[in-house]
Protein backbone atom coordinates (compact mmCIF):
# COMPACT_ATOMS: atom_id res chain seq x y z
CA MET A 1 -8.07 -13.34 33.95
CA ALA A 2 -4.82 -12.46 32.18
CA LEU A 3 -6.59 -9.99 29.88
CA ASN A 4 -8.17 -8.07 32.75
CA GLU A 5 -4.84 -7.96 34.58
CA ALA A 6 -3.15 -6.64 31.44
CA LEU A 7 -5.85 -4.00 30.91
CA SER A 8 -5.51 -2.86 34.50
CA ALA A 9 -1.74 -2.48 34.12
CA LEU A 10 -2.17 -0.66 30.80
CA GLU A 11 -4.63 1.77 32.37
CA SER A 12 -2.01 2.55 35.01
CA LEU A 13 0.50 3.18 32.22
CA LEU A 14 -1.65 5.19 29.80
CA GLY A 15 -4.57 6.54 31.85
CA ASP A 16 -7.38 7.68 29.58
CA ARG A 17 -5.24 6.85 26.54
CA LEU A 18 -6.40 3.26 26.96
CA SER A 19 -9.95 3.14 25.68
CA ARG A 20 -12.53 0.40 26.05
CA ALA A 21 -15.28 2.57 24.58
CA PRO A 22 -17.45 0.61 22.11
CA GLY A 23 -17.04 3.32 19.48
CA ASP A 24 -13.24 3.15 19.58
CA CYS A 25 -13.19 -0.64 19.58
CA ASP A 26 -15.70 -0.83 16.72
CA GLN A 27 -13.67 1.60 14.60
CA HIS A 28 -10.52 -0.48 15.09
CA GLY A 29 -12.30 -3.72 14.22
CA ARG A 30 -13.37 -2.61 10.74
CA ASN A 31 -11.48 -2.55 7.45
CA GLU A 32 -11.67 -1.11 3.95
CA THR A 33 -12.73 -4.29 2.17
CA TRP A 34 -14.56 -7.58 2.74
CA PHE A 35 -12.96 -8.96 5.89
CA PRO A 36 -15.33 -9.63 8.82
CA PHE A 37 -15.68 -7.17 11.69
CA SER A 38 -13.36 -8.14 14.56
CA PRO A 39 -12.97 -5.57 17.36
CA PRO A 40 -10.17 -5.43 19.94
CA ASP A 41 -10.79 -5.55 23.67
CA ALA A 42 -9.23 -2.10 24.04
CA VAL A 43 -7.45 0.57 22.02
CA ALA A 44 -4.14 2.02 23.24
CA TYR A 45 -2.83 5.44 22.17
CA PRO A 46 0.89 5.64 23.07
CA GLU A 47 2.86 8.84 22.50
CA THR A 48 6.48 7.68 22.92
CA THR A 49 8.66 4.72 22.06
CA GLN A 50 9.14 4.00 25.75
CA GLU A 51 5.37 3.76 26.24
CA VAL A 52 5.18 1.28 23.36
CA SER A 53 7.97 -0.75 24.95
CA ASP A 54 6.28 -0.74 28.36
CA LEU A 55 2.95 -1.67 26.78
CA VAL A 56 4.50 -4.59 24.90
CA LYS A 57 6.16 -5.87 28.07
CA ILE A 58 2.81 -5.86 29.87
CA CYS A 59 1.08 -7.69 27.01
CA ALA A 60 3.93 -10.20 26.75
CA ALA A 61 3.71 -10.94 30.46
CA HIS A 62 0.01 -11.78 30.10
CA GLY A 63 -0.01 -13.31 26.60
CA VAL A 64 -2.26 -10.56 25.15
CA ALA A 65 -2.28 -9.96 21.37
CA ILE A 66 -1.19 -6.58 19.95
CA THR A 67 -2.32 -5.39 16.53
CA PRO A 68 -0.68 -2.16 15.28
CA TRP A 69 -2.95 0.45 13.67
CA GLY A 70 -1.88 3.36 11.47
CA THR A 71 -4.76 4.91 9.52
CA GLY A 72 -6.66 1.70 8.75
CA THR A 73 -6.40 2.08 4.97
CA SER A 74 -4.85 -1.32 4.20
CA LEU A 75 -6.77 -3.63 1.89
CA GLU A 76 -5.79 -7.10 3.17
CA GLY A 77 -7.05 -6.90 6.74
CA HIS A 78 -3.62 -6.17 8.25
CA ALA A 79 -4.96 -4.04 11.10
CA VAL A 80 -7.93 -6.22 12.05
CA PRO A 81 -7.32 -7.70 15.55
CA LEU A 82 -8.28 -11.31 14.88
CA GLN A 83 -7.69 -12.41 18.48
CA GLY A 84 -9.01 -9.31 20.21
CA GLY A 85 -6.49 -7.95 22.66
CA ILE A 86 -5.00 -4.50 22.11
CA SER A 87 -5.29 -2.36 18.99
CA LEU A 88 -2.14 -0.23 19.17
CA ASP A 89 -3.12 3.06 17.54
CA LEU A 90 0.05 4.99 16.67
CA SER A 91 -1.69 8.10 15.35
CA ARG A 92 -0.55 10.26 18.28
CA MET A 93 3.09 9.50 17.49
CA ASN A 94 2.88 11.99 14.65
CA ARG A 95 5.91 14.29 14.91
CA VAL A 96 8.44 15.13 12.22
CA LEU A 97 11.49 14.78 14.44
CA GLU A 98 14.31 16.13 12.29
CA VAL A 99 14.72 17.28 8.69
CA LEU A 100 18.25 16.42 7.55
CA ASP A 101 18.13 18.44 4.37
CA SER A 102 21.87 18.28 3.64
CA ASP A 103 21.63 14.49 3.59
CA MET A 104 18.19 14.51 1.92
CA GLN A 105 16.71 12.53 4.81
CA VAL A 106 14.07 13.01 7.49
CA ARG A 107 13.34 11.35 10.85
CA VAL A 108 9.66 10.84 11.66
CA GLN A 109 7.41 9.04 14.08
CA PRO A 110 5.21 6.30 12.57
CA GLY A 111 1.90 8.18 12.83
CA VAL A 112 3.00 10.95 10.44
CA THR A 113 1.05 10.63 7.19
CA ARG A 114 2.68 11.06 3.81
CA GLU A 115 0.65 14.20 3.01
CA ALA A 116 1.51 15.78 6.37
CA LEU A 117 5.21 15.07 5.79
CA ASN A 118 5.24 16.65 2.36
CA GLU A 119 3.39 19.67 3.68
CA ASP A 120 6.08 20.01 6.36
CA LEU A 121 8.83 19.67 3.73
CA ARG A 122 7.37 22.15 1.26
CA ALA A 123 9.78 25.00 2.07
CA THR A 124 12.87 22.77 1.93
CA GLY A 125 12.74 21.97 -1.79
CA LEU A 126 12.53 18.26 -0.90
CA PHE A 127 9.68 15.76 -0.90
CA PHE A 128 8.90 12.16 -0.02
CA PRO A 129 7.78 10.42 -3.21
CA VAL A 130 6.08 7.14 -2.25
CA ASP A 131 2.41 7.67 -3.05
CA PRO A 132 -0.01 4.77 -2.49
CA GLY A 133 -3.02 7.02 -3.04
CA ALA A 134 -4.49 6.87 0.44
CA ASN A 135 -3.10 9.34 2.97
CA ALA A 136 -1.55 6.46 4.87
CA SER A 137 0.75 6.64 7.88
CA LEU A 138 4.43 6.25 7.13
CA GLY A 139 4.80 3.53 9.75
CA GLY A 140 2.02 1.55 8.10
CA MET A 141 3.51 2.14 4.67
CA ALA A 142 6.85 0.75 5.86
CA ALA A 143 5.21 -2.19 7.60
CA THR A 144 3.40 -3.18 4.39
CA ARG A 145 6.26 -2.24 2.02
CA ALA A 146 3.89 0.09 0.20
CA SER A 147 4.42 1.58 -3.22
CA GLY A 148 2.08 3.38 -5.63
CA THR A 149 1.84 5.66 -8.61
CA THR A 150 5.42 7.00 -8.47
CA THR A 151 7.25 3.69 -7.98
CA VAL A 152 8.31 3.51 -11.63
CA ARG A 153 10.70 6.44 -10.97
CA TYR A 154 11.31 6.69 -7.22
CA GLY A 155 10.91 3.13 -5.96
CA SER A 156 8.81 1.72 -3.13
CA MET A 157 9.17 1.95 0.66
CA ARG A 158 11.84 -0.75 0.34
CA ASP A 159 14.02 1.78 -1.51
CA ASN A 160 13.22 4.83 0.62
CA VAL A 161 13.62 3.65 4.23
CA ALA A 162 17.17 4.13 5.50
CA ALA A 163 16.77 3.20 9.17
CA LEU A 164 14.17 2.25 11.76
CA GLU A 165 13.54 2.16 15.46
CA VAL A 166 11.56 -0.96 16.38
CA VAL A 167 10.05 -2.40 19.55
CA LEU A 168 10.32 -6.19 19.60
CA ALA A 169 7.83 -8.67 21.08
CA ASP A 170 9.66 -8.73 24.43
CA GLY A 171 9.74 -4.93 24.68
CA ARG A 172 13.35 -4.46 23.60
CA ILE A 173 14.01 -1.32 21.56
CA ILE A 174 16.39 -1.75 18.63
CA ARG A 175 17.65 0.52 15.88
CA THR A 176 18.22 -0.88 12.40
CA GLY A 177 20.21 0.70 9.58
CA SER A 178 21.91 4.08 9.69
CA ARG A 179 22.03 7.45 7.94
CA ALA A 180 24.97 6.31 5.81
CA LYS A 181 24.40 5.86 2.08
CA LYS A 182 25.37 2.20 2.29
CA SER A 183 26.49 -0.46 4.76
CA ALA A 184 27.77 -4.03 4.76
CA ALA A 185 27.38 -4.50 8.52
CA GLY A 186 25.61 -7.79 9.07
CA TYR A 187 22.03 -8.83 8.43
CA ASP A 188 19.81 -6.15 6.90
CA LEU A 189 17.30 -5.84 9.74
CA THR A 190 15.76 -2.74 8.17
CA ALA A 191 14.79 -4.72 5.10
CA LEU A 192 13.47 -7.51 7.35
CA MET A 193 11.14 -5.13 9.18
CA VAL A 194 9.98 -3.30 6.04
CA GLY A 195 7.12 -5.49 4.85
CA SER A 196 6.84 -7.55 8.04
CA GLU A 197 3.31 -6.18 8.64
CA GLY A 198 3.73 -5.75 12.39
CA THR A 199 4.38 -9.46 12.93
CA LEU A 200 8.06 -9.11 13.95
CA GLY A 201 8.13 -5.74 15.70
CA ILE A 202 6.41 -2.37 16.04
CA ILE A 203 7.99 0.51 14.12
CA THR A 204 8.30 3.59 16.34
CA GLU A 205 10.60 5.79 14.23
CA LEU A 206 11.68 5.97 10.60
CA THR A 207 14.58 7.62 8.79
CA LEU A 208 13.42 8.20 5.23
CA ARG A 209 15.20 9.18 2.04
CA LEU A 210 13.98 12.37 0.36
CA HIS A 211 14.18 13.65 -3.22
CA GLY A 212 14.43 17.08 -4.75
CA GLN A 213 11.19 18.68 -5.86
CA PRO A 214 11.29 18.62 -9.69
CA GLU A 215 11.81 21.86 -11.57
CA ALA A 216 9.07 20.99 -14.04
CA ILE A 217 6.13 18.56 -14.05
CA SER A 218 3.94 17.59 -16.97
CA SER A 219 0.89 15.31 -16.81
CA ALA A 220 -1.40 13.92 -19.48
CA VAL A 221 -4.22 11.48 -20.16
CA CYS A 222 -4.98 9.73 -23.44
CA ALA A 223 -7.46 7.13 -24.70
CA PHE A 224 -6.97 3.94 -26.71
CA ASP A 225 -9.40 1.81 -28.67
CA THR A 226 -8.20 -1.39 -27.06
CA LEU A 227 -6.75 -2.48 -23.76
CA GLU A 228 -3.89 -4.21 -25.59
CA ALA A 229 -2.84 -1.01 -27.38
CA ALA A 230 -2.74 0.93 -24.10
CA VAL A 231 -0.63 -1.67 -22.32
CA GLU A 232 1.69 -2.15 -25.31
CA THR A 233 2.23 1.64 -25.30
CA VAL A 234 3.49 1.32 -21.73
CA GLN A 235 5.87 -1.47 -22.71
CA LEU A 236 7.21 0.49 -25.69
CA THR A 237 7.66 3.64 -23.61
CA ILE A 238 9.73 1.71 -21.06
CA GLN A 239 11.79 -0.03 -23.73
CA MET A 240 12.61 3.36 -25.30
CA GLY A 241 13.95 4.60 -21.99
CA ILE A 242 11.56 7.55 -21.73
CA PRO A 243 11.85 8.63 -18.06
CA MET A 244 8.43 8.59 -16.42
CA ALA A 245 7.43 9.61 -12.91
CA ARG A 246 4.03 7.93 -13.17
CA ILE A 247 2.28 5.84 -15.80
CA GLU A 248 -1.14 4.49 -14.87
CA PHE A 249 -3.70 2.43 -16.73
CA VAL A 250 -7.48 2.49 -16.30
CA ASP A 251 -9.92 0.38 -18.29
CA ALA A 252 -13.06 1.57 -20.03
CA LEU A 253 -15.30 0.89 -17.03
CA THR A 254 -13.02 2.90 -14.75
CA ALA A 255 -13.12 5.80 -17.23
CA GLU A 256 -16.93 5.66 -16.98
CA ILE A 257 -16.68 5.59 -13.18
CA PHE A 258 -14.39 8.65 -13.26
CA ASN A 259 -17.03 10.48 -15.30
CA GLU A 260 -19.73 9.55 -12.77
CA ALA A 261 -17.67 10.65 -9.77
CA ASN A 262 -15.92 13.71 -11.16
CA GLY A 263 -18.09 15.12 -13.94
CA THR A 264 -15.42 14.45 -16.56
CA ASP A 265 -16.16 13.40 -20.14
CA PHE A 266 -13.60 10.70 -20.85
CA PRO A 267 -14.49 8.43 -23.79
CA HIS A 268 -15.66 4.98 -22.73
CA LYS A 269 -12.26 3.48 -23.56
CA PRO A 270 -9.07 2.37 -21.81
CA HIS A 271 -6.82 5.30 -20.83
CA LEU A 272 -3.25 5.97 -19.78
CA MET A 273 -2.40 8.67 -17.25
CA ILE A 274 1.23 9.78 -17.26
CA GLU A 275 3.50 12.29 -15.57
CA PHE A 276 7.06 13.46 -16.21
CA HIS A 277 9.43 15.13 -13.71
CA GLY A 278 12.68 16.96 -14.38
CA SER A 279 14.08 20.13 -15.88
CA ASP A 280 11.99 22.15 -18.32
CA ALA A 281 14.00 20.81 -21.26
CA ALA A 282 13.94 17.19 -20.07
CA VAL A 283 10.19 17.21 -19.43
CA ALA A 284 9.50 18.83 -22.80
CA GLU A 285 11.62 16.21 -24.59
CA ALA A 286 10.04 13.26 -22.72
CA SER A 287 6.55 14.62 -23.35
CA GLU A 288 7.24 14.98 -27.05
CA ARG A 289 8.67 11.48 -27.38
CA PHE A 290 5.76 9.99 -25.46
CA GLY A 291 3.30 11.85 -27.70
CA GLU A 292 4.94 10.25 -30.72
CA VAL A 293 4.60 6.77 -29.19
CA VAL A 294 0.92 7.38 -28.42
CA ALA A 295 0.28 8.52 -31.99
CA ASP A 296 2.03 5.45 -33.41
CA MET A 297 -0.07 3.21 -31.17
CA GLY A 298 -3.37 4.79 -32.17
CA GLY A 299 -3.98 6.80 -29.00
CA ALA A 300 -6.42 9.69 -29.14
CA ASP A 301 -8.17 12.34 -27.03
CA PHE A 302 -4.75 13.43 -25.73
CA GLN A 303 -5.16 15.98 -22.94
CA TRP A 304 -2.27 17.70 -21.15
CA ALA A 305 -2.77 18.93 -17.60
CA THR A 306 -0.84 22.18 -17.89
CA THR A 307 -1.49 23.76 -14.48
CA THR A 308 -0.84 22.55 -10.95
CA GLU A 309 -4.58 22.62 -10.32
CA ASP A 310 -5.27 20.44 -13.36
CA ARG A 311 -2.53 17.96 -12.40
CA ASN A 312 -3.79 17.70 -8.84
CA LYS A 313 -7.31 17.11 -10.12
CA LEU A 314 -6.09 14.35 -12.43
CA TRP A 315 -4.23 12.47 -9.69
CA ARG A 316 -6.96 13.00 -7.08
CA MET A 317 -9.27 11.29 -9.54
CA ARG A 318 -6.85 8.37 -9.95
CA HIS A 319 -6.29 8.08 -6.21
CA GLY A 320 -10.05 8.12 -5.70
CA ALA A 321 -10.63 5.17 -8.02
CA TYR A 322 -11.44 2.77 -5.19
CA PRO A 323 -14.15 4.81 -3.41
CA ALA A 324 -15.52 5.90 -6.79
CA SER A 325 -15.74 2.25 -7.85
CA ILE A 326 -17.57 1.35 -4.63
CA ALA A 327 -20.02 4.20 -5.28
CA HIS A 328 -20.64 2.86 -8.79
CA ARG A 329 -22.56 -0.04 -7.23
CA PRO A 330 -24.22 1.38 -4.10
CA GLY A 331 -24.13 -0.91 -1.08
CA CYS A 332 -21.42 -3.14 -2.50
CA MET A 333 -18.17 -4.33 -0.93
CA GLY A 334 -14.85 -4.52 -2.74
CA LEU A 335 -12.58 -7.49 -3.31
CA VAL A 336 -9.30 -6.14 -4.65
CA THR A 337 -6.69 -8.11 -6.58
CA ASP A 338 -3.05 -6.99 -6.64
CA ILE A 339 -0.91 -9.07 -8.96
CA CYS A 340 2.40 -7.93 -10.42
CA VAL A 341 4.06 -9.55 -13.43
CA PRO A 342 7.11 -8.92 -15.60
CA ILE A 343 6.48 -6.07 -18.04
CA SER A 344 6.81 -8.51 -20.96
CA ARG A 345 3.73 -10.42 -19.72
CA LEU A 346 1.66 -7.39 -18.70
CA ALA A 347 -0.67 -7.13 -21.71
CA GLU A 348 -1.37 -10.87 -21.54
CA ALA A 349 -2.10 -10.74 -17.80
CA VAL A 350 -4.48 -7.76 -18.07
CA ALA A 351 -6.34 -9.38 -21.00
CA GLU A 352 -6.73 -12.62 -19.05
CA MET A 353 -8.02 -10.79 -15.98
CA THR A 354 -10.59 -8.98 -18.13
CA ALA A 355 -11.72 -12.28 -19.66
CA GLU A 356 -11.96 -14.03 -16.28
CA ILE A 357 -14.10 -11.24 -14.82
CA ALA A 358 -16.43 -11.29 -17.84
CA ALA A 359 -16.74 -15.09 -17.76
CA ALA A 360 -17.68 -14.97 -14.08
CA LYS A 361 -20.34 -12.30 -14.81
CA LEU A 362 -18.82 -9.86 -12.31
CA ILE A 363 -18.38 -6.11 -12.23
CA GLY A 364 -14.64 -5.53 -11.89
CA PRO A 365 -13.01 -2.29 -13.07
CA ILE A 366 -9.24 -2.58 -13.62
CA VAL A 367 -6.56 -0.01 -12.78
CA GLY A 368 -2.83 -0.39 -12.56
CA HIS A 369 0.60 1.02 -11.90
CA VAL A 370 1.52 -0.50 -15.21
CA GLY A 371 5.00 1.06 -15.32
CA ASP A 372 6.09 -1.62 -12.87
CA GLY A 373 3.74 -4.40 -14.02
CA ASN A 374 1.30 -4.06 -11.10
CA PHE A 375 -2.47 -3.87 -11.64
CA HIS A 376 -5.68 -4.34 -9.68
CA SER A 377 -9.25 -5.30 -10.25
CA VAL A 378 -11.83 -3.99 -7.79
CA MET A 379 -14.58 -6.59 -7.96
CA LEU A 380 -17.80 -4.98 -6.74
CA LEU A 381 -19.85 -7.53 -4.81
CA ASP A 382 -23.26 -7.74 -3.21
CA PRO A 383 -22.40 -8.50 0.44
CA ASP A 384 -25.46 -10.76 0.70
CA ASP A 385 -24.71 -12.79 -2.46
CA LYS A 386 -22.52 -15.72 -1.37
CA ASP A 387 -22.34 -17.16 -4.88
CA GLU A 388 -21.06 -13.87 -6.28
CA PHE A 389 -18.39 -13.75 -3.57
CA LYS A 390 -17.39 -17.33 -4.38
CA ARG A 391 -17.02 -16.47 -8.08
CA ALA A 392 -14.90 -13.43 -7.24
CA LYS A 393 -12.62 -15.45 -4.98
CA SER A 394 -12.23 -17.99 -7.78
CA VAL A 395 -11.21 -15.27 -10.24
CA ALA A 396 -8.73 -13.82 -7.73
CA GLY A 397 -7.26 -17.27 -7.14
CA LYS A 398 -6.89 -18.02 -10.83
CA MET A 399 -5.13 -14.72 -11.46
CA ALA A 400 -2.83 -15.19 -8.47
CA LYS A 401 -1.83 -18.59 -9.85
CA ARG A 402 -1.40 -17.10 -13.33
CA SER A 403 0.86 -14.35 -12.00
CA LEU A 404 3.19 -16.94 -10.44
CA GLU A 405 3.26 -18.94 -13.68
CA MET A 406 4.32 -15.73 -15.43
CA GLY A 407 7.19 -15.18 -13.00
CA GLY A 408 5.34 -12.58 -10.95
CA THR A 409 3.91 -12.22 -7.45
CA VAL A 410 0.47 -12.43 -5.84
CA THR A 411 0.86 -8.96 -4.33
CA GLY A 412 2.70 -6.02 -5.83
CA GLU A 413 1.97 -3.57 -3.03
CA HIS A 414 -0.99 -4.40 -0.78
CA GLY A 415 0.82 -7.09 1.18
CA ILE A 416 -0.42 -10.38 2.64
CA GLY A 417 -2.32 -9.58 5.85
CA MET A 418 -4.81 -12.39 6.23
CA GLY A 419 -6.23 -12.09 2.71
CA LYS A 420 -3.39 -13.70 0.77
CA ILE A 421 -1.96 -16.22 3.23
CA GLY A 422 -3.40 -19.01 1.09
CA TYR A 423 -1.02 -18.13 -1.75
CA MET A 424 2.19 -17.87 0.25
CA ARG A 425 3.20 -21.55 -0.04
CA ASP A 426 2.76 -21.43 -3.82
CA GLU A 427 4.91 -18.31 -4.15
CA HIS A 428 7.66 -19.04 -1.61
CA GLY A 429 7.73 -22.79 -1.05
CA ALA A 430 10.16 -23.63 1.76
CA GLY A 431 10.93 -19.92 2.03
CA TRP A 432 7.60 -19.48 3.79
CA ASP A 433 8.77 -21.93 6.45
CA VAL A 434 11.85 -19.77 6.95
CA MET A 435 9.59 -16.77 7.50
CA GLY A 436 7.75 -18.79 10.14
CA THR A 437 11.05 -19.64 11.80
CA LEU A 438 11.95 -15.95 11.99
CA LYS A 439 8.53 -15.17 13.44
CA ALA A 440 8.90 -17.88 16.10
CA ALA A 441 12.38 -16.63 17.02
CA LEU A 442 11.37 -12.98 17.42
CA ASP A 443 7.83 -13.51 18.72
CA PRO A 444 7.66 -16.94 20.38
CA GLN A 445 4.31 -16.17 22.05
CA ASN A 446 2.81 -15.01 18.73
CA ILE A 447 1.40 -11.83 20.26
CA LEU A 448 2.35 -9.43 17.43
CA ASN A 449 -0.44 -9.21 14.85
CA PRO A 450 -1.30 -12.92 15.07
CA GLY A 451 -2.97 -14.56 12.09
CA LYS A 452 -1.23 -12.40 9.47
CA LEU A 453 1.47 -13.04 6.86
CA VAL A 454 2.91 -16.29 8.25
CA GLU A 455 1.33 -19.67 8.86
CA GLN A 456 -0.57 -19.90 12.15
CA LYS A 457 1.08 -22.60 14.27
CA PRO A 458 -1.18 -24.80 16.47
């Protein structure tokens, strides 16, 4: 059999770094949300770009599927090996290769996590700002075009990846982009690979843009009587040009969940969580202006996080919203929505999501990176209740359609994977066919993460 021949060749290449152990395969067949368990036939642990290239050539010769794996934190089933084959675990490619502090850049292997990178950069006065919450691998973050709580100021992975090294489906190694500030040299292959979810190539090195660590940081949380007032405060803050590093929304149920998980005493109301970066004077001015907006909009229970410890606690709580929500209904599974709309339609979209969840009699706390119009509901479902799952999928579908009608997108940051393929035609029309053409050109055997992002050809 072709698979057995491939596995034999891979064992010769990697030795004991090719694992067929049930525990390894089971781990790499699971995911963070509701997608079914689907294990690979083996898990490979390469340590160099050349090993990845050699591995891909072997799999291409035998028609064996390859599914890249970073840390497994994605929420749309990106890393689930639908056709078995090889789960390509890049966690051992975890070196910070070169800090280019004069250019405010860094070269890393894909298995480096964002927290590990910032720990390594601490003494340089620089940091990498993209913060999706989970301690994800940087290769995975690039592959899914991740963003997060700081996008409103620093941008997403799209804005912070300067260059890549990528192994293509035939084993060729290419480099995209450069360390230059800008370029007009041909097709932007870096942008093509960022967000391609492992379907066009395997990222084996990244050159990332860094930012200076801010002189001063100020964080706060405040409550509002209504969801509309909280979201309108965000819109007004943006329109006034108040420079924010983070501005997050949580609904009343999420505030209750935070209290359960963290021992806090937030009122059972919608809240905003905000942070400012800059000089002492700039942060003080922005904080004062934001306080005035909150007062005008009826905000209350204003609490400033004045120490590093308090700020870290605040953002750990926000980043922990998903596991805390799952714990709120023991034994449940999560179905996460991820729509993003223009800021002008944000209050309307959040209100409609709240109404849809209530009408479907579901438990669905809402959180959002509202500074860029992106918000999520985590619908908490009984895994044995098929009708509840059907209602949740209906709500997710209605809100995806509504986001497109509002000029938005069905995914602000989580990507497509296999969870949102059904919406791609509605969002992109003939553009989705073009994506399929690119996939067929670069991966004619469809061995790279098959079943994700693009339409599966017969």
